Amino acid sequence: MLFVPYEIETLIQERPWANWLLVATSTIVSIAALLGDGAWAEALVLWGFSLPGLFGHVLLHADFGHLLGNMIFLWVFGNAICANIGNAKFLGLFVILTAVAASVHNLLDGSPAIGASGAINGIVGVVLAMYPLNRVSLFWFFLIRGGTFQIRAFWIILAWFVFDVWGALSGGGNVAYWAHLGGFLGGLGIGLLALRSGWIRMTDCDNRCLLEIIKGETWD
């Protein structure tokens, strides 16, 4: 069964143009590499600790399905965080999470890797720190059937985390599960630390809506 998020309940405080820029850049670079000979993109592959690969691998994807899946997650969760903490902070956060995910992958796996999923899992970790009880809306697909449902962010993110742990411990296949886990735990840690230190501030309306969610009330 496949679960694809399409919305999370958050307050939009400003337009998340920094995340839009990341989505657009990754999409353009990935398509250019997929449709061209791709030789120029080899320098962006994550393999060791070279700076182009360490940060450039998030701009490449193995195929159009890989690109589409990652961009959906980045759009949904990246917009939510970017619109709250601001565009400049979000770009800095994404760069840090990219480095964290890549470093963990290099240390525990070491195989060549491409894709933004490690950094995106870091953003999902920040979502868990900031919005654990907010509802995430998802499409579900199973064979020829499908539909939609809502679930608290905590539960679906926990399910994804368990799946990544299982994938990492079972060998990983062609998926960089250690990058997923490194990014996620890095994002969760940074999110909790930022909230505690005041680097990220939840507004009064955020807190009010959170209380309404806890009470089981709905809000627009």
N, C-alpha and C. Protein backbone atom coordinates (compact mmCIF):
# COMPACT_ATOMS: atom_id res chain seq x y z
N MET A 1 0.84 -1.19 0.00
CA MET A 1 0.00 0.00 0.00
C MET A 1 0.88 1.25 0.00
N LEU A 2 0.50 2.24 -0.78
CA LEU A 2 1.28 3.46 -0.92
C LEU A 2 0.53 4.63 -0.29
N PHE A 3 1.25 5.45 0.50
CA PHE A 3 0.67 6.64 1.11
C PHE A 3 1.42 7.87 0.59
N VAL A 4 0.67 8.83 0.06
CA VAL A 4 1.28 10.03 -0.51
C VAL A 4 0.65 11.26 0.15
N PRO A 5 1.43 12.07 0.86
CA PRO A 5 0.87 13.26 1.51
C PRO A 5 0.56 14.35 0.50
N TYR A 6 -0.49 15.12 0.76
CA TYR A 6 -0.77 16.26 -0.10
C TYR A 6 -1.07 17.53 0.68
N GLU A 7 -1.16 17.46 2.00
CA GLU A 7 -1.42 18.67 2.78
C GLU A 7 -1.16 18.38 4.25
N ILE A 8 -0.68 19.43 4.98
CA ILE A 8 -0.59 19.36 6.44
C ILE A 8 -1.19 20.63 7.00
N GLU A 9 -1.94 20.51 8.07
CA GLU A 9 -2.61 21.65 8.68
C GLU A 9 -1.58 22.53 9.39
N THR A 10 -1.27 23.67 8.80
CA THR A 10 -0.38 24.65 9.43
C THR A 10 -0.86 26.04 9.05
N LEU A 11 -0.33 27.03 9.72
CA LEU A 11 -0.64 28.41 9.42
C LEU A 11 0.44 28.97 8.49
N ILE A 12 0.03 29.59 7.39
CA ILE A 12 0.97 30.17 6.43
C ILE A 12 1.24 31.61 6.83
N GLN A 13 2.44 31.88 7.35
CA GLN A 13 2.78 33.21 7.81
C GLN A 13 3.43 34.05 6.72
N GLU A 14 4.09 33.41 5.77
CA GLU A 14 4.65 34.12 4.62
C GLU A 14 4.81 33.14 3.47
N ARG A 15 4.93 33.65 2.27
CA ARG A 15 5.06 32.78 1.11
C ARG A 15 6.40 32.03 1.16
N PRO A 16 6.37 30.72 1.02
CA PRO A 16 7.61 29.94 1.13
C PRO A 16 8.39 29.89 -0.18
N TRP A 17 8.81 31.07 -0.66
CA TRP A 17 9.46 31.11 -1.97
C TRP A 17 10.79 30.36 -1.96
N ALA A 18 11.46 30.26 -0.82
CA ALA A 18 12.73 29.53 -0.77
C ALA A 18 12.50 28.05 -1.06
N ASN A 19 11.42 27.50 -0.54
CA ASN A 19 11.13 26.09 -0.83
C ASN A 19 10.69 25.92 -2.27
N TRP A 20 9.92 26.88 -2.78
CA TRP A 20 9.54 26.82 -4.20
C TRP A 20 10.80 26.82 -5.07
N LEU A 21 11.79 27.62 -4.68
CA LEU A 21 13.03 27.68 -5.44
C LEU A 21 13.77 26.35 -5.40
N LEU A 22 13.80 25.71 -4.24
CA LEU A 22 14.44 24.40 -4.13
C LEU A 22 13.75 23.36 -5.00
N VAL A 23 12.42 23.35 -4.96
CA VAL A 23 11.66 22.39 -5.77
C VAL A 23 11.93 22.63 -7.26
N ALA A 24 11.90 23.90 -7.67
CA ALA A 24 12.11 24.22 -9.08
C ALA A 24 13.52 23.88 -9.53
N THR A 25 14.51 24.21 -8.72
CA THR A 25 15.90 23.94 -9.09
C THR A 25 16.17 22.46 -9.19
N SER A 26 15.73 21.70 -8.20
CA SER A 26 15.94 20.25 -8.23
C SER A 26 15.23 19.62 -9.42
N THR A 27 14.04 20.10 -9.72
CA THR A 27 13.29 19.56 -10.86
C THR A 27 14.01 19.84 -12.18
N ILE A 28 14.45 21.08 -12.37
CA ILE A 28 15.10 21.47 -13.62
C ILE A 28 16.42 20.71 -13.80
N VAL A 29 17.24 20.66 -12.75
CA VAL A 29 18.54 19.98 -12.85
C VAL A 29 18.34 18.48 -13.08
N SER A 30 17.40 17.88 -12.37
CA SER A 30 17.15 16.45 -12.53
C SER A 30 16.67 16.11 -13.94
N ILE A 31 15.73 16.89 -14.46
CA ILE A 31 15.22 16.63 -15.81
C ILE A 31 16.33 16.81 -16.85
N ALA A 32 17.16 17.84 -16.66
CA ALA A 32 18.27 18.06 -17.59
C ALA A 32 19.22 16.88 -17.59
N ALA A 33 19.50 16.32 -16.40
CA ALA A 33 20.40 15.18 -16.32
C ALA A 33 19.77 13.92 -16.89
N LEU A 34 18.47 13.74 -16.67
CA LEU A 34 17.77 12.55 -17.15
C LEU A 34 17.61 12.55 -18.67
N LEU A 35 17.38 13.72 -19.24
CA LEU A 35 17.14 13.80 -20.68
C LEU A 35 18.41 14.00 -21.49
N GLY A 36 19.49 14.46 -20.84
CA GLY A 36 20.76 14.65 -21.52
C GLY A 36 21.67 13.45 -21.34
N ASP A 37 22.96 13.63 -21.66
CA ASP A 37 23.90 12.51 -21.50
C ASP A 37 24.28 12.31 -20.04
N GLY A 38 24.07 13.34 -19.20
CA GLY A 38 24.29 13.21 -17.76
C GLY A 38 25.74 13.24 -17.32
N ALA A 39 26.69 13.35 -18.26
CA ALA A 39 28.09 13.31 -17.87
C ALA A 39 28.46 14.48 -16.96
N TRP A 40 27.87 15.65 -17.23
CA TRP A 40 28.19 16.83 -16.44
C TRP A 40 27.71 16.70 -14.99
N ALA A 41 26.74 15.81 -14.76
CA ALA A 41 26.15 15.68 -13.43
C ALA A 41 26.94 14.74 -12.51
N GLU A 42 27.95 14.06 -13.04
CA GLU A 42 28.69 13.10 -12.22
C GLU A 42 29.34 13.75 -11.01
N ALA A 43 29.74 15.01 -11.17
CA ALA A 43 30.38 15.71 -10.05
C ALA A 43 29.43 15.96 -8.90
N LEU A 44 28.11 15.90 -9.16
CA LEU A 44 27.12 16.17 -8.12
C LEU A 44 26.70 14.92 -7.36
N VAL A 45 27.19 13.75 -7.77
CA VAL A 45 26.84 12.50 -7.09
C VAL A 45 27.53 12.46 -5.73
N LEU A 46 26.79 12.05 -4.72
CA LEU A 46 27.36 11.91 -3.38
C LEU A 46 28.24 10.67 -3.33
N TRP A 47 29.54 10.89 -3.17
CA TRP A 47 30.49 9.78 -3.07
C TRP A 47 31.70 10.30 -2.33
N GLY A 48 31.73 10.08 -1.02
CA GLY A 48 32.78 10.67 -0.20
C GLY A 48 32.37 12.06 0.26
N PHE A 49 33.37 12.86 0.61
CA PHE A 49 33.08 14.16 1.22
C PHE A 49 33.49 15.33 0.34
N SER A 50 33.46 15.16 -0.98
CA SER A 50 33.71 16.29 -1.87
C SER A 50 32.54 17.25 -1.78
N LEU A 51 32.82 18.54 -1.77
CA LEU A 51 31.76 19.54 -1.57
C LEU A 51 30.69 19.51 -2.66
N PRO A 52 31.06 19.37 -3.96
CA PRO A 52 29.99 19.32 -4.97
C PRO A 52 29.01 18.17 -4.74
N GLY A 53 29.53 16.99 -4.39
CA GLY A 53 28.65 15.85 -4.14
C GLY A 53 27.91 15.95 -2.83
N LEU A 54 28.59 16.51 -1.83
CA LEU A 54 27.99 16.60 -0.49
C LEU A 54 26.72 17.43 -0.51
N PHE A 55 26.70 18.48 -1.33
CA PHE A 55 25.53 19.35 -1.38
C PHE A 55 24.75 19.26 -2.69
N GLY A 56 25.41 18.81 -3.76
CA GLY A 56 24.76 18.79 -5.06
C GLY A 56 23.91 17.57 -5.33
N HIS A 57 24.07 16.51 -4.53
CA HIS A 57 23.32 15.27 -4.80
C HIS A 57 21.81 15.46 -4.67
N VAL A 58 21.38 16.48 -3.90
CA VAL A 58 19.95 16.71 -3.73
C VAL A 58 19.29 17.21 -5.01
N LEU A 59 20.08 17.63 -5.97
CA LEU A 59 19.54 18.15 -7.22
C LEU A 59 19.36 17.09 -8.29
N LEU A 60 19.81 15.86 -8.01
CA LEU A 60 19.73 14.77 -8.99
C LEU A 60 18.79 13.67 -8.50
N HIS A 61 18.14 13.01 -9.47
CA HIS A 61 17.25 11.89 -9.13
C HIS A 61 17.40 10.79 -10.17
N ALA A 62 17.14 9.56 -9.74
CA ALA A 62 17.41 8.41 -10.60
C ALA A 62 16.45 8.30 -11.78
N ASP A 63 15.20 8.70 -11.58
CA ASP A 63 14.20 8.64 -12.65
C ASP A 63 13.08 9.60 -12.30
N PHE A 64 12.09 9.69 -13.18
CA PHE A 64 11.02 10.66 -12.98
C PHE A 64 10.13 10.30 -11.77
N GLY A 65 9.97 9.01 -11.49
CA GLY A 65 9.20 8.61 -10.32
C GLY A 65 9.90 9.03 -9.03
N HIS A 66 11.21 8.84 -8.98
CA HIS A 66 12.01 9.26 -7.83
C HIS A 66 11.90 10.77 -7.63
N LEU A 67 12.00 11.51 -8.72
CA LEU A 67 11.90 12.97 -8.66
C LEU A 67 10.52 13.40 -8.18
N LEU A 68 9.46 12.83 -8.76
CA LEU A 68 8.11 13.22 -8.40
C LEU A 68 7.82 12.94 -6.92
N GLY A 69 8.19 11.77 -6.44
CA GLY A 69 7.94 11.42 -5.05
C GLY A 69 8.64 12.38 -4.10
N ASN A 70 9.91 12.66 -4.35
CA ASN A 70 10.65 13.56 -3.46
C ASN A 70 10.10 14.97 -3.50
N MET A 71 9.74 15.45 -4.69
CA MET A 71 9.24 16.83 -4.79
C MET A 71 7.87 16.98 -4.13
N ILE A 72 7.05 15.95 -4.14
CA ILE A 72 5.77 16.00 -3.43
C ILE A 72 6.01 16.18 -1.93
N PHE A 73 6.90 15.37 -1.38
CA PHE A 73 7.20 15.47 0.05
C PHE A 73 7.82 16.82 0.39
N LEU A 74 8.75 17.29 -0.46
CA LEU A 74 9.38 18.59 -0.20
C LEU A 74 8.36 19.71 -0.29
N TRP A 75 7.43 19.63 -1.24
CA TRP A 75 6.41 20.66 -1.39
C TRP A 75 5.50 20.71 -0.16
N VAL A 76 5.02 19.57 0.28
CA VAL A 76 4.07 19.54 1.39
C VAL A 76 4.73 19.96 2.70
N PHE A 77 5.81 19.30 3.06
CA PHE A 77 6.42 19.55 4.37
C PHE A 77 7.36 20.74 4.35
N GLY A 78 8.03 20.96 3.22
CA GLY A 78 8.91 22.12 3.13
C GLY A 78 8.15 23.43 3.17
N ASN A 79 7.02 23.50 2.47
CA ASN A 79 6.21 24.72 2.52
C ASN A 79 5.74 25.03 3.93
N ALA A 80 5.35 23.98 4.67
CA ALA A 80 4.86 24.19 6.04
C ALA A 80 5.92 24.79 6.94
N ILE A 81 7.14 24.28 6.86
CA ILE A 81 8.21 24.78 7.72
C ILE A 81 8.72 26.13 7.23
N CYS A 82 8.92 26.27 5.92
CA CYS A 82 9.43 27.51 5.36
C CYS A 82 8.49 28.68 5.66
N ALA A 83 7.19 28.45 5.56
CA ALA A 83 6.22 29.50 5.80
C ALA A 83 6.18 29.93 7.26
N ASN A 84 6.70 29.10 8.15
CA ASN A 84 6.72 29.42 9.57
C ASN A 84 8.03 30.09 9.99
N ILE A 85 9.17 29.50 9.62
CA ILE A 85 10.45 30.01 10.14
C ILE A 85 11.05 31.10 9.26
N GLY A 86 10.55 31.27 8.04
CA GLY A 86 11.08 32.28 7.15
C GLY A 86 11.99 31.69 6.09
N ASN A 87 12.11 32.38 4.98
CA ASN A 87 12.82 31.85 3.83
C ASN A 87 14.32 31.72 4.05
N ALA A 88 14.95 32.72 4.65
CA ALA A 88 16.40 32.67 4.86
C ALA A 88 16.77 31.55 5.82
N LYS A 89 16.04 31.43 6.92
CA LYS A 89 16.32 30.37 7.88
C LYS A 89 16.07 29.00 7.26
N PHE A 90 15.06 28.91 6.42
CA PHE A 90 14.75 27.61 5.82
C PHE A 90 15.87 27.16 4.90
N LEU A 91 16.40 28.07 4.09
CA LEU A 91 17.51 27.70 3.21
C LEU A 91 18.71 27.23 4.01
N GLY A 92 19.03 27.94 5.09
CA GLY A 92 20.13 27.50 5.94
C GLY A 92 19.87 26.15 6.56
N LEU A 93 18.64 25.94 7.01
CA LEU A 93 18.26 24.65 7.60
C LEU A 93 18.39 23.54 6.58
N PHE A 94 17.93 23.76 5.36
CA PHE A 94 18.00 22.72 4.33
C PHE A 94 19.44 22.35 4.00
N VAL A 95 20.31 23.35 3.94
CA VAL A 95 21.73 23.08 3.67
C VAL A 95 22.34 22.24 4.79
N ILE A 96 22.03 22.59 6.03
CA ILE A 96 22.56 21.83 7.18
C ILE A 96 22.05 20.39 7.14
N LEU A 97 20.77 20.22 6.89
CA LEU A 97 20.20 18.87 6.86
C LEU A 97 20.76 18.05 5.69
N THR A 98 21.03 18.71 4.57
CA THR A 98 21.67 18.03 3.45
C THR A 98 23.02 17.47 3.86
N ALA A 99 23.82 18.29 4.54
CA ALA A 99 25.14 17.85 4.99
C ALA A 99 25.05 16.75 6.03
N VAL A 100 24.11 16.85 6.94
CA VAL A 100 23.95 15.83 7.98
C VAL A 100 23.57 14.49 7.36
N ALA A 101 22.56 14.49 6.50
CA ALA A 101 22.12 13.25 5.87
C ALA A 101 23.23 12.63 5.04
N ALA A 102 23.94 13.46 4.26
CA ALA A 102 25.02 12.95 3.42
C ALA A 102 26.16 12.38 4.26
N SER A 103 26.49 13.04 5.36
CA SER A 103 27.58 12.57 6.21
C SER A 103 27.25 11.23 6.86
N VAL A 104 26.02 11.08 7.34
CA VAL A 104 25.61 9.81 7.93
C VAL A 104 25.65 8.70 6.88
N HIS A 105 25.20 9.01 5.67
CA HIS A 105 25.26 8.02 4.59
C HIS A 105 26.70 7.62 4.30
N ASN A 106 27.58 8.59 4.21
CA ASN A 106 28.98 8.29 3.93
C ASN A 106 29.61 7.42 5.01
N LEU A 107 29.26 7.68 6.26
CA LEU A 107 29.86 6.95 7.38
C LEU A 107 29.31 5.53 7.52
N LEU A 108 28.02 5.33 7.24
CA LEU A 108 27.39 4.04 7.51
C LEU A 108 27.08 3.23 6.25
N ASP A 109 27.17 3.85 5.08
CA ASP A 109 26.92 3.14 3.83
C ASP A 109 28.10 3.34 2.88
N GLY A 110 28.26 4.54 2.40
CA GLY A 110 29.42 4.85 1.58
C GLY A 110 29.26 4.66 0.09
N SER A 111 28.15 4.07 -0.36
CA SER A 111 27.94 3.87 -1.79
C SER A 111 27.53 5.18 -2.45
N PRO A 112 27.76 5.35 -3.76
CA PRO A 112 27.32 6.57 -4.45
C PRO A 112 25.81 6.74 -4.31
N ALA A 113 25.37 7.98 -4.15
CA ALA A 113 23.94 8.23 -3.94
C ALA A 113 23.53 9.56 -4.55
N ILE A 114 22.28 9.63 -4.96
CA ILE A 114 21.68 10.87 -5.43
C ILE A 114 20.28 10.97 -4.86
N GLY A 115 19.72 12.19 -4.87
CA GLY A 115 18.35 12.37 -4.39
C GLY A 115 18.28 13.26 -3.17
N ALA A 116 17.14 13.92 -3.02
CA ALA A 116 16.93 14.86 -1.92
C ALA A 116 16.27 14.23 -0.71
N SER A 117 16.06 12.92 -0.71
CA SER A 117 15.24 12.31 0.34
C SER A 117 15.87 12.42 1.72
N GLY A 118 17.18 12.41 1.84
CA GLY A 118 17.80 12.55 3.15
C GLY A 118 17.49 13.89 3.76
N ALA A 119 17.70 14.96 2.98
CA ALA A 119 17.39 16.30 3.47
C ALA A 119 15.90 16.47 3.72
N ILE A 120 15.08 15.91 2.84
CA ILE A 120 13.63 16.01 3.01
C ILE A 120 13.18 15.30 4.28
N ASN A 121 13.78 14.15 4.57
CA ASN A 121 13.47 13.49 5.84
C ASN A 121 13.86 14.35 7.02
N GLY A 122 14.90 15.16 6.85
CA GLY A 122 15.25 16.12 7.89
C GLY A 122 14.15 17.14 8.11
N ILE A 123 13.57 17.63 7.02
CA ILE A 123 12.44 18.56 7.13
C ILE A 123 11.26 17.89 7.81
N VAL A 124 11.02 16.62 7.49
CA VAL A 124 9.94 15.86 8.15
C VAL A 124 10.23 15.75 9.64
N GLY A 125 11.50 15.60 10.02
CA GLY A 125 11.86 15.58 11.44
C GLY A 125 11.53 16.89 12.13
N VAL A 126 11.76 18.01 11.44
CA VAL A 126 11.40 19.33 12.00
C VAL A 126 9.89 19.43 12.15
N VAL A 127 9.14 18.90 11.17
CA VAL A 127 7.68 18.88 11.27
C VAL A 127 7.24 18.13 12.52
N LEU A 128 7.87 17.00 12.79
CA LEU A 128 7.52 16.24 13.99
C LEU A 128 7.78 17.04 15.26
N ALA A 129 8.86 17.81 15.27
CA ALA A 129 9.17 18.63 16.44
C ALA A 129 8.16 19.76 16.62
N MET A 130 7.73 20.38 15.51
CA MET A 130 6.88 21.56 15.58
C MET A 130 5.39 21.24 15.57
N TYR A 131 5.00 20.23 14.79
CA TYR A 131 3.57 19.97 14.56
C TYR A 131 3.21 18.50 14.75
N PRO A 132 3.55 17.90 15.89
CA PRO A 132 3.31 16.46 16.05
C PRO A 132 1.84 16.06 16.02
N LEU A 133 0.94 16.98 16.42
CA LEU A 133 -0.48 16.64 16.49
C LEU A 133 -1.29 17.19 15.33
N ASN A 134 -0.65 17.94 14.45
CA ASN A 134 -1.38 18.46 13.30
C ASN A 134 -1.74 17.34 12.34
N ARG A 135 -2.84 17.51 11.63
CA ARG A 135 -3.31 16.46 10.73
C ARG A 135 -2.60 16.54 9.38
N VAL A 136 -2.19 15.39 8.89
CA VAL A 136 -1.64 15.27 7.55
C VAL A 136 -2.68 14.58 6.68
N SER A 137 -2.96 15.15 5.52
CA SER A 137 -3.89 14.53 4.57
C SER A 137 -3.09 13.74 3.55
N LEU A 138 -3.54 12.50 3.28
CA LEU A 138 -2.82 11.62 2.38
C LEU A 138 -3.74 10.94 1.39
N PHE A 139 -3.20 10.67 0.20
CA PHE A 139 -3.81 9.73 -0.71
C PHE A 139 -3.30 8.33 -0.36
N TRP A 140 -4.15 7.32 -0.50
CA TRP A 140 -3.67 5.95 -0.36
C TRP A 140 -4.01 5.18 -1.63
N PHE A 141 -3.10 4.28 -2.00
CA PHE A 141 -3.28 3.47 -3.20
C PHE A 141 -2.97 2.01 -2.88
N PHE A 142 -3.82 1.12 -3.31
CA PHE A 142 -3.56 -0.31 -3.17
C PHE A 142 -4.14 -1.02 -4.38
N LEU A 143 -3.26 -1.56 -5.21
CA LEU A 143 -3.66 -2.20 -6.46
C LEU A 143 -4.47 -1.21 -7.31
N ILE A 144 -5.76 -1.46 -7.51
CA ILE A 144 -6.55 -0.56 -8.34
C ILE A 144 -7.49 0.32 -7.51
N ARG A 145 -7.34 0.29 -6.21
CA ARG A 145 -8.20 1.09 -5.34
C ARG A 145 -7.39 2.22 -4.70
N GLY A 146 -8.11 3.26 -4.25
CA GLY A 146 -7.46 4.38 -3.61
C GLY A 146 -8.46 5.26 -2.91
N GLY A 147 -7.95 6.25 -2.19
CA GLY A 147 -8.81 7.18 -1.47
C GLY A 147 -7.96 8.16 -0.70
N THR A 148 -8.56 8.86 0.23
CA THR A 148 -7.86 9.83 1.06
C THR A 148 -8.22 9.62 2.52
N PHE A 149 -7.34 10.08 3.40
CA PHE A 149 -7.63 10.05 4.84
C PHE A 149 -6.72 11.06 5.52
N GLN A 150 -7.03 11.35 6.79
CA GLN A 150 -6.22 12.25 7.60
C GLN A 150 -5.70 11.50 8.82
N ILE A 151 -4.51 11.88 9.26
CA ILE A 151 -3.91 11.25 10.43
C ILE A 151 -2.99 12.26 11.09
N ARG A 152 -2.83 12.16 12.41
CA ARG A 152 -1.89 13.03 13.11
C ARG A 152 -0.48 12.83 12.54
N ALA A 153 0.26 13.92 12.44
CA ALA A 153 1.61 13.85 11.88
C ALA A 153 2.47 12.83 12.61
N PHE A 154 2.32 12.78 13.93
CA PHE A 154 3.14 11.87 14.73
C PHE A 154 3.04 10.43 14.22
N TRP A 155 1.84 9.97 13.94
CA TRP A 155 1.64 8.56 13.61
C TRP A 155 2.18 8.21 12.23
N ILE A 156 1.93 9.04 11.24
CA ILE A 156 2.41 8.70 9.90
C ILE A 156 3.93 8.85 9.82
N ILE A 157 4.47 9.87 10.50
CA ILE A 157 5.93 10.04 10.49
C ILE A 157 6.60 8.89 11.23
N LEU A 158 6.00 8.43 12.33
CA LEU A 158 6.54 7.28 13.05
C LEU A 158 6.54 6.05 12.15
N ALA A 159 5.48 5.85 11.38
CA ALA A 159 5.41 4.71 10.46
C ALA A 159 6.51 4.78 9.42
N TRP A 160 6.74 5.98 8.84
CA TRP A 160 7.81 6.14 7.86
C TRP A 160 9.18 5.87 8.51
N PHE A 161 9.36 6.32 9.75
CA PHE A 161 10.62 6.12 10.45
C PHE A 161 10.89 4.63 10.67
N VAL A 162 9.88 3.90 11.11
CA VAL A 162 10.03 2.46 11.32
C VAL A 162 10.37 1.77 10.01
N PHE A 163 9.74 2.18 8.93
CA PHE A 163 10.02 1.59 7.61
C PHE A 163 11.48 1.84 7.22
N ASP A 164 11.99 3.04 7.48
CA ASP A 164 13.39 3.34 7.16
C ASP A 164 14.35 2.54 8.03
N VAL A 165 14.02 2.38 9.31
CA VAL A 165 14.86 1.56 10.19
C VAL A 165 14.91 0.12 9.67
N TRP A 166 13.77 -0.41 9.33
CA TRP A 166 13.72 -1.77 8.78
C TRP A 166 14.53 -1.87 7.50
N GLY A 167 14.41 -0.88 6.63
CA GLY A 167 15.15 -0.89 5.38
C GLY A 167 16.65 -0.84 5.60
N ALA A 168 17.09 0.00 6.54
CA ALA A 168 18.52 0.13 6.82
C ALA A 168 19.09 -1.16 7.41
N LEU A 169 18.36 -1.76 8.33
CA LEU A 169 18.85 -2.97 9.00
C LEU A 169 18.79 -4.21 8.11
N SER A 170 17.92 -4.17 7.10
CA SER A 170 17.78 -5.32 6.21
C SER A 170 18.68 -5.24 4.98
N GLY A 171 19.47 -4.20 4.88
CA GLY A 171 20.41 -4.13 3.77
C GLY A 171 20.25 -2.93 2.87
N GLY A 172 19.05 -2.35 2.81
CA GLY A 172 18.87 -1.10 2.09
C GLY A 172 18.57 -1.20 0.62
N GLY A 173 19.08 -2.23 -0.06
CA GLY A 173 18.85 -2.31 -1.50
C GLY A 173 19.44 -1.11 -2.21
N ASN A 174 18.66 -0.47 -3.07
CA ASN A 174 19.13 0.71 -3.79
C ASN A 174 18.65 2.01 -3.15
N VAL A 175 18.15 1.95 -1.94
CA VAL A 175 17.65 3.13 -1.24
C VAL A 175 18.63 3.53 -0.14
N ALA A 176 18.91 4.82 -0.05
CA ALA A 176 19.86 5.32 0.96
C ALA A 176 19.15 5.53 2.30
N TYR A 177 18.82 4.41 2.95
CA TYR A 177 18.07 4.49 4.20
C TYR A 177 18.84 5.20 5.30
N TRP A 178 20.16 5.05 5.34
CA TRP A 178 20.94 5.71 6.39
C TRP A 178 20.90 7.23 6.22
N ALA A 179 20.83 7.69 4.98
CA ALA A 179 20.66 9.12 4.75
C ALA A 179 19.29 9.58 5.25
N HIS A 180 18.26 8.75 5.00
CA HIS A 180 16.93 9.05 5.51
C HIS A 180 16.96 9.21 7.04
N LEU A 181 17.55 8.22 7.70
CA LEU A 181 17.56 8.22 9.16
C LEU A 181 18.41 9.34 9.72
N GLY A 182 19.58 9.56 9.10
CA GLY A 182 20.44 10.64 9.56
C GLY A 182 19.77 11.99 9.41
N GLY A 183 19.14 12.22 8.25
CA GLY A 183 18.44 13.47 8.05
C GLY A 183 17.28 13.65 9.01
N PHE A 184 16.49 12.59 9.19
CA PHE A 184 15.32 12.68 10.07
C PHE A 184 15.72 12.99 11.50
N LEU A 185 16.67 12.23 12.04
CA LEU A 185 17.08 12.45 13.43
C LEU A 185 17.76 13.81 13.59
N GLY A 186 18.51 14.23 12.58
CA GLY A 186 19.11 15.56 12.62
C GLY A 186 18.05 16.64 12.62
N GLY A 187 17.02 16.49 11.76
CA GLY A 187 15.95 17.48 11.72
C GLY A 187 15.14 17.52 13.00
N LEU A 188 14.86 16.35 13.56
CA LEU A 188 14.12 16.30 14.82
C LEU A 188 14.91 16.98 15.93
N GLY A 189 16.20 16.68 16.01
CA GLY A 189 17.04 17.30 17.04
C GLY A 189 17.15 18.80 16.88
N ILE A 190 17.37 19.25 15.64
CA ILE A 190 17.47 20.68 15.38
C ILE A 190 16.15 21.37 15.69
N GLY A 191 15.04 20.75 15.30
CA GLY A 191 13.74 21.34 15.56
C GLY A 191 13.47 21.52 17.04
N LEU A 192 13.75 20.47 17.83
CA LEU A 192 13.52 20.56 19.28
C LEU A 192 14.44 21.59 19.92
N LEU A 193 15.72 21.60 19.50
CA LEU A 193 16.67 22.57 20.04
C LEU A 193 16.28 23.99 19.67
N ALA A 194 15.83 24.18 18.43
CA ALA A 194 15.44 25.51 17.97
C ALA A 194 14.22 26.03 18.72
N LEU A 195 13.27 25.15 18.98
CA LEU A 195 12.09 25.55 19.76
C LEU A 195 12.48 25.92 21.18
N ARG A 196 13.35 25.13 21.76
CA ARG A 196 13.76 25.37 23.15
C ARG A 196 14.57 26.67 23.29
N SER A 197 15.41 26.95 22.28
CA SER A 197 16.28 28.12 22.35
C SER A 197 15.61 29.39 21.85
N GLY A 198 14.45 29.25 21.21
CA GLY A 198 13.75 30.42 20.70
C GLY A 198 14.12 30.80 19.28
N TRP A 199 14.97 29.96 18.61
CA TRP A 199 15.32 30.23 17.22
C TRP A 199 14.08 30.09 16.33
N ILE A 200 13.23 29.14 16.68
CA ILE A 200 11.92 29.00 16.04
C ILE A 200 10.87 29.33 17.09
N ARG A 201 9.97 30.23 16.79
CA ARG A 201 8.92 30.62 17.73
C ARG A 201 7.55 30.27 17.15
N MET A 202 6.76 29.56 17.93
CA MET A 202 5.38 29.30 17.54
C MET A 202 4.54 30.52 17.91
N THR A 203 3.70 30.97 17.00
CA THR A 203 2.88 32.14 17.28
C THR A 203 1.74 31.78 18.23
N ASP A 204 1.09 32.83 18.77
CA ASP A 204 -0.05 32.59 19.65
C ASP A 204 -1.13 31.80 18.92
N CYS A 205 -1.31 32.09 17.63
CA CYS A 205 -2.32 31.39 16.85
C CYS A 205 -1.93 29.93 16.66
N ASP A 206 -0.63 29.67 16.47
CA ASP A 206 -0.16 28.28 16.40
C ASP A 206 -0.55 27.54 17.66
N ASN A 207 -0.26 28.15 18.80
CA ASN A 207 -0.54 27.50 20.09
C ASN A 207 -2.03 27.31 20.30
N ARG A 208 -2.84 28.29 19.89
CA ARG A 208 -4.29 28.17 20.03
C ARG A 208 -4.81 27.03 19.18
N CYS A 209 -4.34 26.97 17.93
CA CYS A 209 -4.79 25.92 17.03
C CYS A 209 -4.34 24.56 17.53
N LEU A 210 -3.16 24.49 18.13
CA LEU A 210 -2.67 23.23 18.67
C LEU A 210 -3.59 22.76 19.79
N LEU A 211 -4.02 23.69 20.65
CA LEU A 211 -4.93 23.31 21.72
C LEU A 211 -6.25 22.82 21.15
N GLU A 212 -6.73 23.46 20.08
CA GLU A 212 -7.97 23.03 19.46
C GLU A 212 -7.84 21.63 18.88
N ILE A 213 -6.67 21.35 18.30
CA ILE A 213 -6.44 20.02 17.75
C ILE A 213 -6.44 18.98 18.86
N ILE A 214 -5.78 19.29 19.97
CA ILE A 214 -5.73 18.37 21.11
C ILE A 214 -7.15 18.06 21.61
N LYS A 215 -8.00 19.09 21.61
CA LYS A 215 -9.37 18.93 22.09
C LYS A 215 -10.25 18.23 21.05
N GLY A 216 -9.72 18.01 19.86
CA GLY A 216 -10.49 17.34 18.84
C GLY A 216 -11.35 18.26 18.00
N GLU A 217 -11.12 19.57 18.11
CA GLU A 217 -11.90 20.52 17.34
C GLU A 217 -11.25 20.72 15.98
N THR A 218 -12.03 21.18 15.02
CA THR A 218 -11.51 21.46 13.69
C THR A 218 -11.25 22.94 13.54
N TRP A 219 -10.37 23.26 12.58
CA TRP A 219 -10.08 24.65 12.30
C TRP A 219 -9.70 24.81 10.85
N ASP A 220 -9.87 26.04 10.33
CA ASP A 220 -9.60 26.31 8.92
C ASP A 220 -8.15 26.76 8.74
